[in-house]
Amino acid sequence: LGKIIFPMSKNITVTILTFNFVNIWN
């Protein structure tokens, strides 16, 4: 997970962080 799968999931991680940040911030 830490060395293979999670690095390959960078784009979905950024998507999750971005959309959740907007909701949390507001």
mmCIF file of all heavy atoms, coordinates in Angstrom:
data_MODEL
# 
_entry.id   MODEL 
# 
loop_
_atom_site.group_PDB 
_atom_site.id 
_atom_site.type_symbol 
_atom_site.label_atom_id 
_atom_site.label_alt_id 
_atom_site.label_comp_id 
_atom_site.label_asym_id 
_atom_site.label_entity_id 
_atom_site.label_seq_id 
_atom_site.pdbx_PDB_ins_code 
_atom_site.Cartn_x 
_atom_site.Cartn_y 
_atom_site.Cartn_z 
_atom_site.occupancy 
_atom_site.B_iso_or_equiv 
_atom_site.pdbx_formal_charge 
_atom_site.auth_seq_id 
_atom_site.auth_comp_id 
_atom_site.auth_asym_id 
_atom_site.auth_atom_id 
_atom_site.pdbx_PDB_model_num 
ATOM 1   N N   . LEU A 1 1  ? 0.829   -1.211 0.000   1.00 0.00 ? 1  LEU A N   1 
ATOM 2   C CA  . LEU A 1 1  ? 0.000   0.000  0.000   1.00 0.00 ? 1  LEU A CA  1 
ATOM 3   C C   . LEU A 1 1  ? 0.858   1.253  0.000   1.00 0.00 ? 1  LEU A C   1 
ATOM 4   O O   . LEU A 1 1  ? 0.631   2.173  -0.800  1.00 0.00 ? 1  LEU A O   1 
ATOM 5   C CB  . LEU A 1 1  ? -0.917  0.007  1.231   1.00 0.00 ? 1  LEU A CB  1 
ATOM 6   C CG  . LEU A 1 1  ? -1.709  1.302  1.467   1.00 0.00 ? 1  LEU A CG  1 
ATOM 7   C CD1 . LEU A 1 1  ? -2.665  1.574  0.309   1.00 0.00 ? 1  LEU A CD1 1 
ATOM 8   C CD2 . LEU A 1 1  ? -2.484  1.226  2.783   1.00 0.00 ? 1  LEU A CD2 1 
ATOM 9   N N   . GLY A 1 2  ? 1.855   1.302  0.885   1.00 0.00 ? 2  GLY A N   1 
ATOM 10  C CA  . GLY A 1 2  ? 2.656   2.516  1.035   1.00 0.00 ? 2  GLY A CA  1 
ATOM 11  C C   . GLY A 1 2  ? 3.603   2.795  -0.112  1.00 0.00 ? 2  GLY A C   1 
ATOM 12  O O   . GLY A 1 2  ? 3.851   3.959  -0.450  1.00 0.00 ? 2  GLY A O   1 
ATOM 13  N N   . LYS A 1 3  ? 4.144   1.745  -0.735  1.00 0.00 ? 3  LYS A N   1 
ATOM 14  C CA  . LYS A 1 3  ? 5.177   1.916  -1.761  1.00 0.00 ? 3  LYS A CA  1 
ATOM 15  C C   . LYS A 1 3  ? 4.680   1.748  -3.190  1.00 0.00 ? 3  LYS A C   1 
ATOM 16  O O   . LYS A 1 3  ? 5.326   2.218  -4.127  1.00 0.00 ? 3  LYS A O   1 
ATOM 17  C CB  . LYS A 1 3  ? 6.319   0.924  -1.497  1.00 0.00 ? 3  LYS A CB  1 
ATOM 18  C CG  . LYS A 1 3  ? 7.039   1.130  -0.173  1.00 0.00 ? 3  LYS A CG  1 
ATOM 19  C CD  . LYS A 1 3  ? 7.743   2.480  -0.119  1.00 0.00 ? 3  LYS A CD  1 
ATOM 20  C CE  . LYS A 1 3  ? 8.532   2.621  1.183   1.00 0.00 ? 3  LYS A CE  1 
ATOM 21  N NZ  . LYS A 1 3  ? 9.241   3.929  1.248   1.00 0.00 ? 3  LYS A NZ  1 
ATOM 22  N N   . ILE A 1 4  ? 3.532   1.076  -3.361  1.00 0.00 ? 4  ILE A N   1 
ATOM 23  C CA  . ILE A 1 4  ? 3.067   0.805  -4.728  1.00 0.00 ? 4  ILE A CA  1 
ATOM 24  C C   . ILE A 1 4  ? 1.699   1.427  -4.997  1.00 0.00 ? 4  ILE A C   1 
ATOM 25  O O   . ILE A 1 4  ? 1.549   2.270  -5.879  1.00 0.00 ? 4  ILE A O   1 
ATOM 26  C CB  . ILE A 1 4  ? 3.006   -0.722 -4.986  1.00 0.00 ? 4  ILE A CB  1 
ATOM 27  C CG1 . ILE A 1 4  ? 4.392   -1.354 -4.786  1.00 0.00 ? 4  ILE A CG1 1 
ATOM 28  C CG2 . ILE A 1 4  ? 2.473   -1.001 -6.393  1.00 0.00 ? 4  ILE A CG2 1 
ATOM 29  C CD1 . ILE A 1 4  ? 4.391   -2.867 -4.886  1.00 0.00 ? 4  ILE A CD1 1 
ATOM 30  N N   . ILE A 1 5  ? 0.691   1.012  -4.231  1.00 0.00 ? 5  ILE A N   1 
ATOM 31  C CA  . ILE A 1 5  ? -0.691  1.402  -4.525  1.00 0.00 ? 5  ILE A CA  1 
ATOM 32  C C   . ILE A 1 5  ? -0.959  2.878  -4.220  1.00 0.00 ? 5  ILE A C   1 
ATOM 33  O O   . ILE A 1 5  ? -1.527  3.600  -5.057  1.00 0.00 ? 5  ILE A O   1 
ATOM 34  C CB  . ILE A 1 5  ? -1.682  0.511  -3.749  1.00 0.00 ? 5  ILE A CB  1 
ATOM 35  C CG1 . ILE A 1 5  ? -1.445  -0.963 -4.084  1.00 0.00 ? 5  ILE A CG1 1 
ATOM 36  C CG2 . ILE A 1 5  ? -3.115  0.920  -4.062  1.00 0.00 ? 5  ILE A CG2 1 
ATOM 37  C CD1 . ILE A 1 5  ? -1.652  -1.290 -5.543  1.00 0.00 ? 5  ILE A CD1 1 
ATOM 38  N N   . PHE A 1 6  ? -0.548  3.330  -3.037  1.00 0.00 ? 6  PHE A N   1 
ATOM 39  C CA  . PHE A 1 6  ? -0.850  4.711  -2.658  1.00 0.00 ? 6  PHE A CA  1 
ATOM 40  C C   . PHE A 1 6  ? -0.167  5.727  -3.582  1.00 0.00 ? 6  PHE A C   1 
ATOM 41  O O   . PHE A 1 6  ? -0.802  6.703  -3.992  1.00 0.00 ? 6  PHE A O   1 
ATOM 42  C CB  . PHE A 1 6  ? -0.460  4.965  -1.200  1.00 0.00 ? 6  PHE A CB  1 
ATOM 43  C CG  . PHE A 1 6  ? -0.923  6.302  -0.688  1.00 0.00 ? 6  PHE A CG  1 
ATOM 44  C CD1 . PHE A 1 6  ? -2.266  6.539  -0.425  1.00 0.00 ? 6  PHE A CD1 1 
ATOM 45  C CD2 . PHE A 1 6  ? -0.018  7.330  -0.478  1.00 0.00 ? 6  PHE A CD2 1 
ATOM 46  C CE1 . PHE A 1 6  ? -2.704  7.776  0.039   1.00 0.00 ? 6  PHE A CE1 1 
ATOM 47  C CE2 . PHE A 1 6  ? -0.443  8.568  -0.017  1.00 0.00 ? 6  PHE A CE2 1 
ATOM 48  C CZ  . PHE A 1 6  ? -1.786  8.787  0.245   1.00 0.00 ? 6  PHE A CZ  1 
ATOM 49  N N   . PRO A 1 7  ? 1.120   5.557  -3.928  1.00 0.00 ? 7  PRO A N   1 
ATOM 50  C CA  . PRO A 1 7  ? 1.719   6.497  -4.892  1.00 0.00 ? 7  PRO A CA  1 
ATOM 51  C C   . PRO A 1 7  ? 1.000   6.509  -6.243  1.00 0.00 ? 7  PRO A C   1 
ATOM 52  O O   . PRO A 1 7  ? 0.906   7.557  -6.890  1.00 0.00 ? 7  PRO A O   1 
ATOM 53  C CB  . PRO A 1 7  ? 3.161   5.977  -5.039  1.00 0.00 ? 7  PRO A CB  1 
ATOM 54  C CG  . PRO A 1 7  ? 3.437   5.283  -3.749  1.00 0.00 ? 7  PRO A CG  1 
ATOM 55  C CD  . PRO A 1 7  ? 2.142   4.641  -3.371  1.00 0.00 ? 7  PRO A CD  1 
ATOM 56  N N   . MET A 1 8  ? 0.481   5.364  -6.678  1.00 0.00 ? 8  MET A N   1 
ATOM 57  C CA  . MET A 1 8  ? -0.253  5.317  -7.933  1.00 0.00 ? 8  MET A CA  1 
ATOM 58  C C   . MET A 1 8  ? -1.625  5.967  -7.816  1.00 0.00 ? 8  MET A C   1 
ATOM 59  O O   . MET A 1 8  ? -2.264  6.274  -8.829  1.00 0.00 ? 8  MET A O   1 
ATOM 60  C CB  . MET A 1 8  ? -0.410  3.862  -8.399  1.00 0.00 ? 8  MET A CB  1 
ATOM 61  C CG  . MET A 1 8  ? 0.890   3.175  -8.744  1.00 0.00 ? 8  MET A CG  1 
ATOM 62  S SD  . MET A 1 8  ? 0.646   1.473  -9.313  1.00 0.00 ? 8  MET A SD  1 
ATOM 63  C CE  . MET A 1 8  ? -0.212  1.762  -10.858 1.00 0.00 ? 8  MET A CE  1 
ATOM 64  N N   . SER A 1 9  ? -2.069  6.186  -6.582  1.00 0.00 ? 9  SER A N   1 
ATOM 65  C CA  . SER A 1 9  ? -3.390  6.792  -6.345  1.00 0.00 ? 9  SER A CA  1 
ATOM 66  C C   . SER A 1 9  ? -3.284  8.291  -6.087  1.00 0.00 ? 9  SER A C   1 
ATOM 67  O O   . SER A 1 9  ? -4.178  8.874  -5.463  1.00 0.00 ? 9  SER A O   1 
ATOM 68  C CB  . SER A 1 9  ? -4.060  6.098  -5.143  1.00 0.00 ? 9  SER A CB  1 
ATOM 69  O OG  . SER A 1 9  ? -4.111  4.704  -5.318  1.00 0.00 ? 9  SER A OG  1 
ATOM 70  N N   . LYS A 1 10 ? -2.220  8.908  -6.572  1.00 0.00 ? 10 LYS A N   1 
ATOM 71  C CA  . LYS A 1 10 ? -1.993  10.334 -6.295  1.00 0.00 ? 10 LYS A CA  1 
ATOM 72  C C   . LYS A 1 10 ? -3.146  11.200 -6.774  1.00 0.00 ? 10 LYS A C   1 
ATOM 73  O O   . LYS A 1 10 ? -3.613  12.104 -6.062  1.00 0.00 ? 10 LYS A O   1 
ATOM 74  C CB  . LYS A 1 10 ? -0.690  10.791 -6.957  1.00 0.00 ? 10 LYS A CB  1 
ATOM 75  C CG  . LYS A 1 10 ? -0.367  12.265 -6.704  1.00 0.00 ? 10 LYS A CG  1 
ATOM 76  C CD  . LYS A 1 10 ? 0.870   12.705 -7.473  1.00 0.00 ? 10 LYS A CD  1 
ATOM 77  C CE  . LYS A 1 10 ? 0.592   12.750 -8.968  1.00 0.00 ? 10 LYS A CE  1 
ATOM 78  N NZ  . LYS A 1 10 ? 1.732   13.344 -9.729  1.00 0.00 ? 10 LYS A NZ  1 
ATOM 79  N N   . ASN A 1 11 ? -3.631  10.958 -7.982  1.00 0.00 ? 11 ASN A N   1 
ATOM 80  C CA  . ASN A 1 11 ? -4.674  11.815 -8.544  1.00 0.00 ? 11 ASN A CA  1 
ATOM 81  C C   . ASN A 1 11 ? -5.978  11.748 -7.751  1.00 0.00 ? 11 ASN A C   1 
ATOM 82  O O   . ASN A 1 11 ? -6.610  12.768 -7.506  1.00 0.00 ? 11 ASN A O   1 
ATOM 83  C CB  . ASN A 1 11 ? -4.930  11.453 -10.010 1.00 0.00 ? 11 ASN A CB  1 
ATOM 84  C CG  . ASN A 1 11 ? -3.781  11.872 -10.911 1.00 0.00 ? 11 ASN A CG  1 
ATOM 85  O OD1 . ASN A 1 11 ? -3.033  12.781 -10.577 1.00 0.00 ? 11 ASN A OD1 1 
ATOM 86  N ND2 . ASN A 1 11 ? -3.627  11.199 -12.035 1.00 0.00 ? 11 ASN A ND2 1 
ATOM 87  N N   . ILE A 1 12 ? -6.374  10.541 -7.354  1.00 0.00 ? 12 ILE A N   1 
ATOM 88  C CA  . ILE A 1 12 ? -7.618  10.425 -6.586  1.00 0.00 ? 12 ILE A CA  1 
ATOM 89  C C   . ILE A 1 12 ? -7.427  11.002 -5.190  1.00 0.00 ? 12 ILE A C   1 
ATOM 90  O O   . ILE A 1 12 ? -8.368  11.552 -4.597  1.00 0.00 ? 12 ILE A O   1 
ATOM 91  C CB  . ILE A 1 12 ? -8.099  8.949  -6.529  1.00 0.00 ? 12 ILE A CB  1 
ATOM 92  C CG1 . ILE A 1 12 ? -9.569  8.880  -6.098  1.00 0.00 ? 12 ILE A CG1 1 
ATOM 93  C CG2 . ILE A 1 12 ? -7.242  8.131  -5.603  1.00 0.00 ? 12 ILE A CG2 1 
ATOM 94  C CD1 . ILE A 1 12 ? -10.520 9.509  -7.065  1.00 0.00 ? 12 ILE A CD1 1 
ATOM 95  N N   . THR A 1 13 ? -6.203  10.911 -4.659  1.00 0.00 ? 13 THR A N   1 
ATOM 96  C CA  . THR A 1 13 ? -5.931  11.520 -3.359  1.00 0.00 ? 13 THR A CA  1 
ATOM 97  C C   . THR A 1 13 ? -6.060  13.037 -3.432  1.00 0.00 ? 13 THR A C   1 
ATOM 98  O O   . THR A 1 13 ? -6.669  13.664 -2.556  1.00 0.00 ? 13 THR A O   1 
ATOM 99  C CB  . THR A 1 13 ? -4.516  11.142 -2.880  1.00 0.00 ? 13 THR A CB  1 
ATOM 100 O OG1 . THR A 1 13 ? -4.418  9.727  -2.740  1.00 0.00 ? 13 THR A OG1 1 
ATOM 101 C CG2 . THR A 1 13 ? -4.197  11.797 -1.534  1.00 0.00 ? 13 THR A CG2 1 
ATOM 102 N N   . VAL A 1 14 ? -5.500  13.621 -4.480  1.00 0.00 ? 14 VAL A N   1 
ATOM 103 C CA  . VAL A 1 14 ? -5.606  15.070 -4.661  1.00 0.00 ? 14 VAL A CA  1 
ATOM 104 C C   . VAL A 1 14 ? -7.064  15.482 -4.833  1.00 0.00 ? 14 VAL A C   1 
ATOM 105 O O   . VAL A 1 14 ? -7.504  16.508 -4.295  1.00 0.00 ? 14 VAL A O   1 
ATOM 106 C CB  . VAL A 1 14 ? -4.766  15.528 -5.868  1.00 0.00 ? 14 VAL A CB  1 
ATOM 107 C CG1 . VAL A 1 14 ? -5.040  16.993 -6.192  1.00 0.00 ? 14 VAL A CG1 1 
ATOM 108 C CG2 . VAL A 1 14 ? -3.286  15.321 -5.590  1.00 0.00 ? 14 VAL A CG2 1 
ATOM 109 N N   . THR A 1 15 ? -7.835  14.691 -5.575  1.00 0.00 ? 15 THR A N   1 
ATOM 110 C CA  . THR A 1 15 ? -9.255  14.987 -5.757  1.00 0.00 ? 15 THR A CA  1 
ATOM 111 C C   . THR A 1 15 ? -9.989  14.963 -4.420  1.00 0.00 ? 15 THR A C   1 
ATOM 112 O O   . THR A 1 15 ? -10.777 15.867 -4.106  1.00 0.00 ? 15 THR A O   1 
ATOM 113 C CB  . THR A 1 15 ? -9.891  13.961 -6.713  1.00 0.00 ? 15 THR A CB  1 
ATOM 114 O OG1 . THR A 1 15 ? -9.203  13.996 -7.962  1.00 0.00 ? 15 THR A OG1 1 
ATOM 115 C CG2 . THR A 1 15 ? -11.356 14.273 -6.942  1.00 0.00 ? 15 THR A CG2 1 
ATOM 116 N N   . ILE A 1 16 ? -9.727  13.936 -3.624  1.00 0.00 ? 16 ILE A N   1 
ATOM 117 C CA  . ILE A 1 16 ? -10.362 13.823 -2.308  1.00 0.00 ? 16 ILE A CA  1 
ATOM 118 C C   . ILE A 1 16 ? -9.976  14.997 -1.419  1.00 0.00 ? 16 ILE A C   1 
ATOM 119 O O   . ILE A 1 16 ? -10.827 15.608 -0.745  1.00 0.00 ? 16 ILE A O   1 
ATOM 120 C CB  . ILE A 1 16 ? -9.971  12.483 -1.648  1.00 0.00 ? 16 ILE A CB  1 
ATOM 121 C CG1 . ILE A 1 16 ? -10.680 11.332 -2.362  1.00 0.00 ? 16 ILE A CG1 1 
ATOM 122 C CG2 . ILE A 1 16 ? -10.297 12.478 -0.158  1.00 0.00 ? 16 ILE A CG2 1 
ATOM 123 C CD1 . ILE A 1 16 ? -10.214 9.959  -1.923  1.00 0.00 ? 16 ILE A CD1 1 
ATOM 124 N N   . LEU A 1 17 ? -8.696  15.341 -1.395  1.00 0.00 ? 17 LEU A N   1 
ATOM 125 C CA  . LEU A 1 17 ? -8.227  16.441 -0.560  1.00 0.00 ? 17 LEU A CA  1 
ATOM 126 C C   . LEU A 1 17 ? -8.853  17.766 -0.992  1.00 0.00 ? 17 LEU A C   1 
ATOM 127 O O   . LEU A 1 17 ? -9.285  18.574 -0.151  1.00 0.00 ? 17 LEU A O   1 
ATOM 128 C CB  . LEU A 1 17 ? -6.704  16.545 -0.630  1.00 0.00 ? 17 LEU A CB  1 
ATOM 129 C CG  . LEU A 1 17 ? -5.910  15.404 0.007   1.00 0.00 ? 17 LEU A CG  1 
ATOM 130 C CD1 . LEU A 1 17 ? -4.416  15.601 -0.235  1.00 0.00 ? 17 LEU A CD1 1 
ATOM 131 C CD2 . LEU A 1 17 ? -6.191  15.304 1.497   1.00 0.00 ? 17 LEU A CD2 1 
ATOM 132 N N   . THR A 1 18 ? -8.922  18.002 -2.284  1.00 0.00 ? 18 THR A N   1 
ATOM 133 C CA  . THR A 1 18 ? -9.423  19.280 -2.788  1.00 0.00 ? 18 THR A CA  1 
ATOM 134 C C   . THR A 1 18 ? -10.899 19.471 -2.479  1.00 0.00 ? 18 THR A C   1 
ATOM 135 O O   . THR A 1 18 ? -11.301 20.501 -1.921  1.00 0.00 ? 18 THR A O   1 
ATOM 136 C CB  . THR A 1 18 ? -9.194  19.400 -4.306  1.00 0.00 ? 18 THR A CB  1 
ATOM 137 O OG1 . THR A 1 18 ? -7.801  19.235 -4.586  1.00 0.00 ? 18 THR A OG1 1 
ATOM 138 C CG2 . THR A 1 18 ? -9.640  20.745 -4.819  1.00 0.00 ? 18 THR A CG2 1 
ATOM 139 N N   . PHE A 1 19 ? -11.715 18.480 -2.832  1.00 0.00 ? 19 PHE A N   1 
ATOM 140 C CA  . PHE A 1 19 ? -13.152 18.629 -2.629  1.00 0.00 ? 19 PHE A CA  1 
ATOM 141 C C   . PHE A 1 19 ? -13.517 18.654 -1.153  1.00 0.00 ? 19 PHE A C   1 
ATOM 142 O O   . PHE A 1 19 ? -14.427 19.387 -0.740  1.00 0.00 ? 19 PHE A O   1 
ATOM 143 C CB  . PHE A 1 19 ? -13.904 17.520 -3.354  1.00 0.00 ? 19 PHE A CB  1 
ATOM 144 C CG  . PHE A 1 19 ? -14.056 17.769 -4.818  1.00 0.00 ? 19 PHE A CG  1 
ATOM 145 C CD1 . PHE A 1 19 ? -13.294 17.080 -5.738  1.00 0.00 ? 19 PHE A CD1 1 
ATOM 146 C CD2 . PHE A 1 19 ? -14.943 18.720 -5.288  1.00 0.00 ? 19 PHE A CD2 1 
ATOM 147 C CE1 . PHE A 1 19 ? -13.420 17.320 -7.094  1.00 0.00 ? 19 PHE A CE1 1 
ATOM 148 C CE2 . PHE A 1 19 ? -15.082 18.975 -6.642  1.00 0.00 ? 19 PHE A CE2 1 
ATOM 149 C CZ  . PHE A 1 19 ? -14.316 18.271 -7.552  1.00 0.00 ? 19 PHE A CZ  1 
ATOM 150 N N   . ASN A 1 20 ? -12.837 17.859 -0.347  1.00 0.00 ? 20 ASN A N   1 
ATOM 151 C CA  . ASN A 1 20 ? -13.118 17.888 1.086   1.00 0.00 ? 20 ASN A CA  1 
ATOM 152 C C   . ASN A 1 20 ? -12.642 19.185 1.718   1.00 0.00 ? 20 ASN A C   1 
ATOM 153 O O   . ASN A 1 20 ? -13.276 19.694 2.639   1.00 0.00 ? 20 ASN A O   1 
ATOM 154 C CB  . ASN A 1 20 ? -12.469 16.687 1.782   1.00 0.00 ? 20 ASN A CB  1 
ATOM 155 C CG  . ASN A 1 20 ? -13.291 15.422 1.645   1.00 0.00 ? 20 ASN A CG  1 
ATOM 156 O OD1 . ASN A 1 20 ? -14.303 15.242 2.310   1.00 0.00 ? 20 ASN A OD1 1 
ATOM 157 N ND2 . ASN A 1 20 ? -12.861 14.546 0.765   1.00 0.00 ? 20 ASN A ND2 1 
ATOM 158 N N   . PHE A 1 21 ? -11.522 19.726 1.231   1.00 0.00 ? 21 PHE A N   1 
ATOM 159 C CA  . PHE A 1 21 ? -11.027 20.988 1.775   1.00 0.00 ? 21 PHE A CA  1 
ATOM 160 C C   . PHE A 1 21 ? -12.051 22.107 1.579   1.00 0.00 ? 21 PHE A C   1 
ATOM 161 O O   . PHE A 1 21 ? -12.287 22.912 2.485   1.00 0.00 ? 21 PHE A O   1 
ATOM 162 C CB  . PHE A 1 21 ? -9.706  21.377 1.124   1.00 0.00 ? 21 PHE A CB  1 
ATOM 163 C CG  . PHE A 1 21 ? -9.158  22.690 1.602   1.00 0.00 ? 21 PHE A CG  1 
ATOM 164 C CD1 . PHE A 1 21 ? -8.426  22.762 2.788   1.00 0.00 ? 21 PHE A CD1 1 
ATOM 165 C CD2 . PHE A 1 21 ? -9.374  23.866 0.898   1.00 0.00 ? 21 PHE A CD2 1 
ATOM 166 C CE1 . PHE A 1 21 ? -7.931  23.966 3.246   1.00 0.00 ? 21 PHE A CE1 1 
ATOM 167 C CE2 . PHE A 1 21 ? -8.886  25.076 1.342   1.00 0.00 ? 21 PHE A CE2 1 
ATOM 168 C CZ  . PHE A 1 21 ? -8.161  25.130 2.522   1.00 0.00 ? 21 PHE A CZ  1 
ATOM 169 N N   . VAL A 1 22 ? -12.654 22.157 0.409   1.00 0.00 ? 22 VAL A N   1 
ATOM 170 C CA  . VAL A 1 22 ? -13.653 23.193 0.137   1.00 0.00 ? 22 VAL A CA  1 
ATOM 171 C C   . VAL A 1 22 ? -14.812 23.080 1.118   1.00 0.00 ? 22 VAL A C   1 
ATOM 172 O O   . VAL A 1 22 ? -15.267 24.084 1.690   1.00 0.00 ? 22 VAL A O   1 
ATOM 173 C CB  . VAL A 1 22 ? -14.160 23.086 -1.319  1.00 0.00 ? 22 VAL A CB  1 
ATOM 174 C CG1 . VAL A 1 22 ? -15.326 24.044 -1.555  1.00 0.00 ? 22 VAL A CG1 1 
ATOM 175 C CG2 . VAL A 1 22 ? -13.032 23.382 -2.296  1.00 0.00 ? 22 VAL A CG2 1 
ATOM 176 N N   . ASN A 1 23 ? -15.300 21.870 1.349   1.00 0.00 ? 23 ASN A N   1 
ATOM 177 C CA  . ASN A 1 23 ? -16.425 21.670 2.270   1.00 0.00 ? 23 ASN A CA  1 
ATOM 178 C C   . ASN A 1 23 ? -16.039 21.993 3.710   1.00 0.00 ? 23 ASN A C   1 
ATOM 179 O O   . ASN A 1 23 ? -16.815 22.615 4.444   1.00 0.00 ? 23 ASN A O   1 
ATOM 180 C CB  . ASN A 1 23 ? -16.930 20.225 2.179   1.00 0.00 ? 23 ASN A CB  1 
ATOM 181 C CG  . ASN A 1 23 ? -17.547 19.914 0.836   1.00 0.00 ? 23 ASN A CG  1 
ATOM 182 O OD1 . ASN A 1 23 ? -18.137 20.787 0.197   1.00 0.00 ? 23 ASN A OD1 1 
ATOM 183 N ND2 . ASN A 1 23 ? -17.424 18.673 0.381   1.00 0.00 ? 23 ASN A ND2 1 
ATOM 184 N N   . ILE A 1 24 ? -14.852 21.570 4.108   1.00 0.00 ? 24 ILE A N   1 
ATOM 185 C CA  . ILE A 1 24 ? -14.406 21.824 5.486   1.00 0.00 ? 24 ILE A CA  1 
ATOM 186 C C   . ILE A 1 24 ? -14.182 23.309 5.704   1.00 0.00 ? 24 ILE A C   1 
ATOM 187 O O   . ILE A 1 24 ? -14.560 23.861 6.748   1.00 0.00 ? 24 ILE A O   1 
ATOM 188 C CB  . ILE A 1 24 ? -13.104 21.037 5.770   1.00 0.00 ? 24 ILE A CB  1 
ATOM 189 C CG1 . ILE A 1 24 ? -13.354 19.538 5.645   1.00 0.00 ? 24 ILE A CG1 1 
ATOM 190 C CG2 . ILE A 1 24 ? -12.563 21.365 7.157   1.00 0.00 ? 24 ILE A CG2 1 
ATOM 191 C CD1 . ILE A 1 24 ? -12.078 18.713 5.537   1.00 0.00 ? 24 ILE A CD1 1 
ATOM 192 N N   . TRP A 1 25 ? -13.580 23.968 4.730   1.00 0.00 ? 25 TRP A N   1 
ATOM 193 C CA  . TRP A 1 25 ? -13.271 25.392 4.862   1.00 0.00 ? 25 TRP A CA  1 
ATOM 194 C C   . TRP A 1 25 ? -14.535 26.227 4.998   1.00 0.00 ? 25 TRP A C   1 
ATOM 195 O O   . TRP A 1 25 ? -14.538 27.240 5.700   1.00 0.00 ? 25 TRP A O   1 
ATOM 196 C CB  . TRP A 1 25 ? -12.455 25.849 3.658   1.00 0.00 ? 25 TRP A CB  1 
ATOM 197 C CG  . TRP A 1 25 ? -11.811 27.187 3.814   1.00 0.00 ? 25 TRP A CG  1 
ATOM 198 C CD1 . TRP A 1 25 ? -12.220 28.360 3.263   1.00 0.00 ? 25 TRP A CD1 1 
ATOM 199 C CD2 . TRP A 1 25 ? -10.639 27.492 4.576   1.00 0.00 ? 25 TRP A CD2 1 
ATOM 200 N NE1 . TRP A 1 25 ? -11.386 29.384 3.630   1.00 0.00 ? 25 TRP A NE1 1 
ATOM 201 C CE2 . TRP A 1 25 ? -10.394 28.877 4.439   1.00 0.00 ? 25 TRP A CE2 1 
ATOM 202 C CE3 . TRP A 1 25 ? -9.776  26.722 5.365   1.00 0.00 ? 25 TRP A CE3 1 
ATOM 203 C CZ2 . TRP A 1 25 ? -9.322  29.504 5.058   1.00 0.00 ? 25 TRP A CZ2 1 
ATOM 204 C CZ3 . TRP A 1 25 ? -8.704  27.361 5.976   1.00 0.00 ? 25 TRP A CZ3 1 
ATOM 205 C CH2 . TRP A 1 25 ? -8.488  28.723 5.820   1.00 0.00 ? 25 TRP A CH2 1 
ATOM 206 N N   . ASN A 1 26 ? -15.604 25.802 4.342   1.00 0.00 ? 26 ASN A N   1 
ATOM 207 C CA  . ASN A 1 26 ? -16.854 26.562 4.370   1.00 0.00 ? 26 ASN A CA  1 
ATOM 208 C C   . ASN A 1 26 ? -17.848 26.046 5.403   1.00 0.00 ? 26 ASN A C   1 
ATOM 209 O O   . ASN A 1 26 ? -18.982 26.543 5.463   1.00 0.00 ? 26 ASN A O   1 
ATOM 210 C CB  . ASN A 1 26 ? -17.512 26.526 2.982   1.00 0.00 ? 26 ASN A CB  1 
ATOM 211 C CG  . ASN A 1 26 ? -16.669 27.213 1.935   1.00 0.00 ? 26 ASN A CG  1 
ATOM 212 O OD1 . ASN A 1 26 ? -16.049 28.237 2.194   1.00 0.00 ? 26 ASN A OD1 1 
ATOM 213 N ND2 . ASN A 1 26 ? -16.629 26.656 0.732   1.00 0.00 ? 26 ASN A ND2 1 
# 
